Amino acid sequence: MPTLSGVHHIALTVTDVERSIPWYERVLGFTVVGKQDEDAVGVRKAFLRGPGEGFALTLVQHPFAAGSLFDEKRPGLDHVSFAVPDEDCLREWTERLTEHGVTFSPITEELSARGTSVVALRDPDGIQIVLWAEKP
């Protein structure tokens, strides 16, 4: 069987790219590495690179997405989970999220993966983001 060597990037549909970019920069430390203005069908994109390992994220704005709310209970994306090195780093993230006024869950043990601690939050469109720390 052919192999998959990792995730290249995640693309998230957002209602307003220009609103989402500053949130991902300010809160999660992403950097914009490129933008695509409206194409022939009105799609706009922003290409971001994350801190640390440099995870790639694309924010996509479709012309008719405005007014739609994210719902993980519908088929498609449930959540995006970013790995953090350890629980100390997870605590640092909770301090950062607090500084930026972001609502998030308390640090909890992930029941599906014993020895793992997580924090859950939502972006401006309600997309759930999980910060995931494996315990040594």
N, C-alpha and C. Protein backbone atom coordinates (compact mmCIF):
# COMPACT_ATOMS: atom_id res chain seq x y z
N MET A 1 0.84 -1.18 0.00
CA MET A 1 0.00 0.00 0.00
C MET A 1 0.89 1.25 0.00
N PRO A 2 0.51 2.27 -0.75
CA PRO A 2 1.28 3.52 -0.72
C PRO A 2 1.17 4.16 0.66
N THR A 3 2.15 4.96 1.04
CA THR A 3 2.14 5.57 2.37
C THR A 3 1.69 7.02 2.32
N LEU A 4 1.24 7.51 3.45
CA LEU A 4 0.98 8.93 3.67
C LEU A 4 2.06 9.39 4.64
N SER A 5 2.75 10.47 4.30
CA SER A 5 3.88 10.89 5.12
C SER A 5 3.53 11.97 6.14
N GLY A 6 2.29 12.40 6.17
CA GLY A 6 1.88 13.43 7.13
C GLY A 6 0.78 14.28 6.54
N VAL A 7 0.34 15.25 7.30
CA VAL A 7 -0.67 16.18 6.82
C VAL A 7 0.04 17.37 6.21
N HIS A 8 -0.28 17.71 4.98
CA HIS A 8 0.35 18.85 4.33
C HIS A 8 -0.22 20.16 4.86
N HIS A 9 -1.54 20.28 4.87
CA HIS A 9 -2.19 21.45 5.43
C HIS A 9 -3.66 21.14 5.72
N ILE A 10 -4.27 22.01 6.47
CA ILE A 10 -5.70 21.95 6.73
C ILE A 10 -6.29 23.21 6.12
N ALA A 11 -7.41 23.08 5.44
CA ALA A 11 -8.12 24.24 4.88
C ALA A 11 -9.46 24.37 5.61
N LEU A 12 -9.70 25.54 6.16
CA LEU A 12 -10.94 25.80 6.89
C LEU A 12 -11.76 26.85 6.16
N THR A 13 -13.03 26.60 5.99
CA THR A 13 -13.93 27.59 5.41
C THR A 13 -14.33 28.57 6.51
N VAL A 14 -14.13 29.85 6.24
CA VAL A 14 -14.48 30.91 7.19
C VAL A 14 -15.43 31.88 6.51
N THR A 15 -16.16 32.64 7.30
CA THR A 15 -17.10 33.59 6.71
C THR A 15 -16.42 34.87 6.24
N ASP A 16 -15.27 35.21 6.85
CA ASP A 16 -14.57 36.45 6.49
C ASP A 16 -13.07 36.26 6.72
N VAL A 17 -12.34 36.08 5.64
CA VAL A 17 -10.90 35.86 5.73
C VAL A 17 -10.22 37.00 6.48
N GLU A 18 -10.60 38.23 6.18
CA GLU A 18 -9.94 39.39 6.80
C GLU A 18 -10.22 39.48 8.30
N ARG A 19 -11.31 38.92 8.76
CA ARG A 19 -11.59 38.88 10.20
C ARG A 19 -10.82 37.73 10.85
N SER A 20 -10.71 36.60 10.15
CA SER A 20 -10.07 35.42 10.72
C SER A 20 -8.55 35.54 10.79
N ILE A 21 -7.93 36.17 9.81
CA ILE A 21 -6.47 36.27 9.79
C ILE A 21 -5.92 36.85 11.09
N PRO A 22 -6.39 38.02 11.54
CA PRO A 22 -5.81 38.57 12.77
C PRO A 22 -6.01 37.67 13.99
N TRP A 23 -7.13 36.95 14.05
CA TRP A 23 -7.38 36.05 15.17
C TRP A 23 -6.34 34.94 15.18
N TYR A 24 -6.11 34.29 14.04
CA TYR A 24 -5.14 33.20 13.98
C TYR A 24 -3.71 33.71 14.22
N GLU A 25 -3.42 34.94 13.80
CA GLU A 25 -2.10 35.53 14.06
C GLU A 25 -1.94 35.84 15.55
N ARG A 26 -2.89 36.59 16.09
CA ARG A 26 -2.80 37.07 17.47
C ARG A 26 -2.92 35.95 18.49
N VAL A 27 -3.91 35.08 18.32
CA VAL A 27 -4.20 34.07 19.33
C VAL A 27 -3.29 32.85 19.21
N LEU A 28 -3.14 32.31 18.00
CA LEU A 28 -2.39 31.07 17.83
C LEU A 28 -0.98 31.26 17.26
N GLY A 29 -0.61 32.48 16.91
CA GLY A 29 0.76 32.74 16.47
C GLY A 29 1.06 32.36 15.02
N PHE A 30 0.02 32.22 14.20
CA PHE A 30 0.25 31.93 12.78
C PHE A 30 0.75 33.17 12.06
N THR A 31 1.41 32.97 10.93
CA THR A 31 1.92 34.06 10.09
C THR A 31 1.37 33.88 8.68
N VAL A 32 0.88 34.96 8.09
CA VAL A 32 0.40 34.90 6.71
C VAL A 32 1.60 34.79 5.77
N VAL A 33 1.57 33.79 4.91
CA VAL A 33 2.66 33.60 3.94
C VAL A 33 2.19 33.85 2.52
N GLY A 34 0.90 34.08 2.34
CA GLY A 34 0.38 34.37 1.01
C GLY A 34 -1.12 34.58 1.05
N LYS A 35 -1.63 35.23 0.02
CA LYS A 35 -3.06 35.48 -0.09
C LYS A 35 -3.47 35.31 -1.55
N GLN A 36 -4.69 34.89 -1.73
CA GLN A 36 -5.29 34.83 -3.07
C GLN A 36 -6.54 35.67 -3.02
N ASP A 37 -6.54 36.76 -3.79
CA ASP A 37 -7.73 37.59 -3.86
C ASP A 37 -8.82 36.81 -4.59
N GLU A 38 -10.00 37.38 -4.66
CA GLU A 38 -11.12 36.69 -5.29
C GLU A 38 -10.74 36.10 -6.64
N ASP A 39 -11.07 34.82 -6.80
CA ASP A 39 -10.85 34.19 -8.11
C ASP A 39 -12.12 34.37 -8.94
N ALA A 40 -12.22 33.68 -10.06
CA ALA A 40 -13.34 33.85 -10.99
C ALA A 40 -14.70 33.55 -10.36
N VAL A 41 -14.74 32.70 -9.35
CA VAL A 41 -16.02 32.38 -8.72
C VAL A 41 -16.19 33.06 -7.36
N GLY A 42 -15.29 33.96 -6.99
CA GLY A 42 -15.42 34.74 -5.77
C GLY A 42 -14.80 34.15 -4.52
N VAL A 43 -13.97 33.12 -4.67
CA VAL A 43 -13.31 32.50 -3.52
C VAL A 43 -12.06 33.28 -3.15
N ARG A 44 -11.88 33.55 -1.85
CA ARG A 44 -10.69 34.22 -1.35
C ARG A 44 -9.97 33.26 -0.42
N LYS A 45 -8.63 33.35 -0.39
CA LYS A 45 -7.85 32.45 0.47
C LYS A 45 -6.71 33.20 1.14
N ALA A 46 -6.35 32.71 2.31
CA ALA A 46 -5.14 33.17 3.00
C ALA A 46 -4.37 31.93 3.41
N PHE A 47 -3.07 31.95 3.19
CA PHE A 47 -2.20 30.82 3.50
C PHE A 47 -1.36 31.20 4.70
N LEU A 48 -1.43 30.39 5.76
CA LEU A 48 -0.75 30.71 7.00
C LEU A 48 0.20 29.58 7.39
N ARG A 49 1.22 29.95 8.14
CA ARG A 49 2.17 28.98 8.67
C ARG A 49 2.18 29.15 10.17
N GLY A 50 2.10 28.02 10.88
CA GLY A 50 2.03 28.05 12.33
C GLY A 50 3.39 28.16 12.98
N PRO A 51 3.41 28.47 14.28
CA PRO A 51 4.66 28.52 15.02
C PRO A 51 5.22 27.12 15.24
N GLY A 52 6.45 27.02 15.62
CA GLY A 52 7.05 25.72 15.92
C GLY A 52 7.32 24.93 14.66
N GLU A 53 6.61 23.82 14.50
CA GLU A 53 6.81 22.93 13.35
C GLU A 53 6.35 23.56 12.04
N GLY A 54 5.68 24.69 12.11
CA GLY A 54 5.28 25.39 10.90
C GLY A 54 4.11 24.76 10.19
N PHE A 55 3.13 24.26 10.96
CA PHE A 55 1.94 23.66 10.39
C PHE A 55 1.27 24.62 9.41
N ALA A 56 0.85 24.13 8.26
CA ALA A 56 0.23 24.98 7.24
C ALA A 56 -1.30 24.96 7.37
N LEU A 57 -1.88 26.14 7.30
CA LEU A 57 -3.32 26.31 7.41
C LEU A 57 -3.79 27.24 6.31
N THR A 58 -4.86 26.88 5.63
CA THR A 58 -5.45 27.74 4.61
C THR A 58 -6.83 28.15 5.09
N LEU A 59 -7.10 29.46 5.06
CA LEU A 59 -8.42 29.97 5.37
C LEU A 59 -9.10 30.29 4.04
N VAL A 60 -10.29 29.75 3.84
CA VAL A 60 -10.99 29.88 2.57
C VAL A 60 -12.33 30.57 2.81
N GLN A 61 -12.59 31.62 2.02
CA GLN A 61 -13.87 32.33 2.11
C GLN A 61 -14.62 32.12 0.80
N HIS A 62 -15.72 31.39 0.87
CA HIS A 62 -16.58 31.18 -0.29
C HIS A 62 -17.60 32.32 -0.35
N PRO A 63 -18.03 32.70 -1.53
CA PRO A 63 -18.91 33.87 -1.64
C PRO A 63 -20.25 33.74 -0.93
N PHE A 64 -20.73 32.53 -0.70
CA PHE A 64 -22.04 32.37 -0.08
C PHE A 64 -21.95 31.80 1.33
N ALA A 65 -20.78 31.89 1.96
CA ALA A 65 -20.60 31.33 3.31
C ALA A 65 -21.10 32.27 4.40
N ALA A 66 -21.25 33.54 4.09
CA ALA A 66 -21.67 34.50 5.12
C ALA A 66 -23.01 34.08 5.72
N GLY A 67 -23.11 34.18 7.02
CA GLY A 67 -24.34 33.83 7.71
C GLY A 67 -24.43 32.37 8.09
N SER A 68 -23.57 31.54 7.53
CA SER A 68 -23.56 30.13 7.90
C SER A 68 -22.76 29.96 9.17
N LEU A 69 -23.22 29.08 10.04
CA LEU A 69 -22.48 28.80 11.26
C LEU A 69 -21.90 27.40 11.20
N PHE A 70 -20.71 27.25 11.73
CA PHE A 70 -20.06 25.95 11.79
C PHE A 70 -20.85 25.03 12.71
N ASP A 71 -20.96 23.78 12.33
CA ASP A 71 -21.65 22.79 13.16
C ASP A 71 -20.94 21.45 13.00
N GLU A 72 -20.21 21.06 14.04
CA GLU A 72 -19.45 19.80 13.96
C GLU A 72 -20.35 18.57 13.94
N LYS A 73 -21.64 18.74 14.14
CA LYS A 73 -22.55 17.60 14.11
C LYS A 73 -22.99 17.25 12.68
N ARG A 74 -22.67 18.10 11.71
CA ARG A 74 -22.96 17.80 10.31
C ARG A 74 -21.76 17.10 9.70
N PRO A 75 -21.97 16.32 8.64
CA PRO A 75 -20.82 15.66 7.99
C PRO A 75 -19.78 16.69 7.54
N GLY A 76 -18.54 16.33 7.70
CA GLY A 76 -17.44 17.23 7.36
C GLY A 76 -16.48 17.31 8.53
N LEU A 77 -15.97 18.45 8.79
CA LEU A 77 -14.99 18.66 9.85
C LEU A 77 -15.64 18.61 11.23
N ASP A 78 -15.03 17.92 12.16
CA ASP A 78 -15.48 17.94 13.55
C ASP A 78 -14.67 18.96 14.34
N HIS A 79 -13.34 18.85 14.26
CA HIS A 79 -12.47 19.80 14.94
C HIS A 79 -11.06 19.68 14.35
N VAL A 80 -10.23 20.64 14.68
CA VAL A 80 -8.82 20.62 14.32
C VAL A 80 -8.04 20.52 15.62
N SER A 81 -7.07 19.62 15.68
CA SER A 81 -6.30 19.44 16.90
C SER A 81 -4.83 19.72 16.62
N PHE A 82 -4.24 20.62 17.40
CA PHE A 82 -2.83 20.94 17.29
C PHE A 82 -2.08 20.33 18.46
N ALA A 83 -0.98 19.64 18.18
CA ALA A 83 -0.16 19.04 19.22
C ALA A 83 0.69 20.12 19.89
N VAL A 84 0.83 20.01 21.20
CA VAL A 84 1.76 20.85 21.95
C VAL A 84 2.69 19.89 22.69
N PRO A 85 3.92 20.33 23.02
CA PRO A 85 4.93 19.40 23.55
C PRO A 85 4.56 18.68 24.85
N ASP A 86 3.91 19.41 25.78
CA ASP A 86 3.63 18.80 27.08
C ASP A 86 2.59 19.63 27.82
N GLU A 87 2.24 19.18 29.02
CA GLU A 87 1.21 19.87 29.79
C GLU A 87 1.66 21.25 30.26
N ASP A 88 2.96 21.44 30.51
CA ASP A 88 3.45 22.78 30.86
C ASP A 88 3.17 23.75 29.73
N CYS A 89 3.41 23.32 28.51
CA CYS A 89 3.14 24.17 27.35
C CYS A 89 1.63 24.43 27.23
N LEU A 90 0.84 23.43 27.53
CA LEU A 90 -0.61 23.59 27.50
C LEU A 90 -1.04 24.67 28.50
N ARG A 91 -0.42 24.69 29.67
CA ARG A 91 -0.71 25.74 30.66
C ARG A 91 -0.30 27.12 30.12
N GLU A 92 0.83 27.19 29.40
CA GLU A 92 1.25 28.45 28.78
C GLU A 92 0.20 28.91 27.77
N TRP A 93 -0.35 27.96 27.02
CA TRP A 93 -1.40 28.30 26.06
C TRP A 93 -2.63 28.85 26.77
N THR A 94 -3.00 28.28 27.92
CA THR A 94 -4.18 28.79 28.62
C THR A 94 -3.95 30.23 29.08
N GLU A 95 -2.71 30.54 29.47
CA GLU A 95 -2.39 31.92 29.85
C GLU A 95 -2.52 32.85 28.64
N ARG A 96 -2.02 32.41 27.48
CA ARG A 96 -2.11 33.21 26.26
C ARG A 96 -3.57 33.42 25.86
N LEU A 97 -4.36 32.36 25.91
CA LEU A 97 -5.77 32.46 25.54
C LEU A 97 -6.49 33.43 26.47
N THR A 98 -6.18 33.36 27.75
CA THR A 98 -6.77 34.29 28.72
C THR A 98 -6.39 35.72 28.39
N GLU A 99 -5.11 35.96 28.07
CA GLU A 99 -4.64 37.31 27.70
C GLU A 99 -5.41 37.87 26.53
N HIS A 100 -5.82 37.00 25.59
CA HIS A 100 -6.51 37.45 24.38
C HIS A 100 -8.03 37.34 24.48
N GLY A 101 -8.52 37.06 25.69
CA GLY A 101 -9.96 37.03 25.90
C GLY A 101 -10.68 35.89 25.20
N VAL A 102 -9.97 34.80 24.95
CA VAL A 102 -10.57 33.65 24.27
C VAL A 102 -11.17 32.70 25.30
N THR A 103 -12.40 32.29 25.09
CA THR A 103 -13.05 31.32 25.95
C THR A 103 -12.53 29.94 25.60
N PHE A 104 -12.19 29.15 26.63
CA PHE A 104 -11.66 27.81 26.39
C PHE A 104 -12.04 26.90 27.55
N SER A 105 -11.94 25.60 27.31
CA SER A 105 -12.24 24.62 28.36
C SER A 105 -11.08 24.57 29.34
N PRO A 106 -11.33 24.08 30.54
CA PRO A 106 -10.20 23.83 31.44
C PRO A 106 -9.36 22.68 30.87
N ILE A 107 -8.12 22.58 31.34
CA ILE A 107 -7.29 21.45 30.93
C ILE A 107 -7.95 20.18 31.46
N THR A 108 -8.23 19.25 30.56
CA THR A 108 -8.88 18.00 30.94
C THR A 108 -8.15 16.82 30.33
N GLU A 109 -8.31 15.65 30.95
CA GLU A 109 -7.72 14.44 30.38
C GLU A 109 -8.64 13.94 29.29
N GLU A 110 -8.07 13.65 28.12
CA GLU A 110 -8.84 13.13 27.00
C GLU A 110 -9.18 11.67 27.29
N LEU A 111 -10.46 11.37 27.38
CA LEU A 111 -10.89 10.02 27.75
C LEU A 111 -10.55 8.98 26.69
N SER A 112 -10.50 9.39 25.42
CA SER A 112 -10.22 8.42 24.36
C SER A 112 -8.74 8.08 24.26
N ALA A 113 -7.90 8.85 24.92
CA ALA A 113 -6.45 8.61 24.87
C ALA A 113 -5.85 8.91 26.23
N ARG A 114 -5.89 7.93 27.10
CA ARG A 114 -5.35 8.12 28.46
C ARG A 114 -3.93 8.67 28.39
N GLY A 115 -3.63 9.53 29.35
CA GLY A 115 -2.30 10.13 29.38
C GLY A 115 -2.19 11.35 28.48
N THR A 116 -3.32 11.84 28.04
CA THR A 116 -3.33 13.01 27.17
C THR A 116 -4.18 14.10 27.82
N SER A 117 -3.69 15.33 27.78
CA SER A 117 -4.45 16.47 28.29
C SER A 117 -4.79 17.38 27.13
N VAL A 118 -5.99 17.99 27.20
CA VAL A 118 -6.44 18.83 26.10
C VAL A 118 -7.09 20.10 26.62
N VAL A 119 -7.11 21.11 25.74
CA VAL A 119 -7.86 22.34 25.94
C VAL A 119 -8.61 22.57 24.64
N ALA A 120 -9.90 22.91 24.74
CA ALA A 120 -10.70 23.18 23.55
C ALA A 120 -11.11 24.64 23.52
N LEU A 121 -11.13 25.21 22.32
CA LEU A 121 -11.54 26.59 22.10
C LEU A 121 -12.20 26.69 20.75
N ARG A 122 -12.71 27.86 20.41
CA ARG A 122 -13.35 28.05 19.10
C ARG A 122 -12.83 29.33 18.46
N ASP A 123 -12.70 29.27 17.11
CA ASP A 123 -12.26 30.45 16.36
C ASP A 123 -13.46 31.37 16.14
N PRO A 124 -13.29 32.50 15.44
CA PRO A 124 -14.41 33.45 15.26
C PRO A 124 -15.63 32.86 14.55
N ASP A 125 -15.46 31.79 13.77
CA ASP A 125 -16.59 31.15 13.10
C ASP A 125 -17.14 29.96 13.88
N GLY A 126 -16.63 29.74 15.08
CA GLY A 126 -17.11 28.64 15.90
C GLY A 126 -16.45 27.31 15.62
N ILE A 127 -15.40 27.29 14.79
CA ILE A 127 -14.69 26.05 14.50
C ILE A 127 -13.93 25.63 15.76
N GLN A 128 -14.15 24.40 16.18
CA GLN A 128 -13.50 23.92 17.40
C GLN A 128 -12.04 23.59 17.13
N ILE A 129 -11.17 24.10 17.99
CA ILE A 129 -9.73 23.85 17.93
C ILE A 129 -9.35 23.23 19.26
N VAL A 130 -8.59 22.13 19.19
CA VAL A 130 -8.15 21.44 20.38
C VAL A 130 -6.63 21.50 20.46
N LEU A 131 -6.11 21.87 21.60
CA LEU A 131 -4.66 21.82 21.85
C LEU A 131 -4.42 20.54 22.64
N TRP A 132 -3.54 19.66 22.14
CA TRP A 132 -3.41 18.28 22.59
C TRP A 132 -2.00 18.05 23.11
N ALA A 133 -1.88 17.66 24.37
CA ALA A 133 -0.56 17.40 24.97
C ALA A 133 -0.48 15.95 25.44
N GLU A 134 0.48 15.20 24.90
CA GLU A 134 0.72 13.83 25.36
C GLU A 134 1.55 13.91 26.63
N LYS A 135 1.21 13.09 27.62
CA LYS A 135 2.03 13.03 28.83
C LYS A 135 3.19 12.08 28.59
N PRO A 136 4.35 12.39 29.18
CA PRO A 136 5.51 11.50 28.96
C PRO A 136 5.29 10.12 29.53
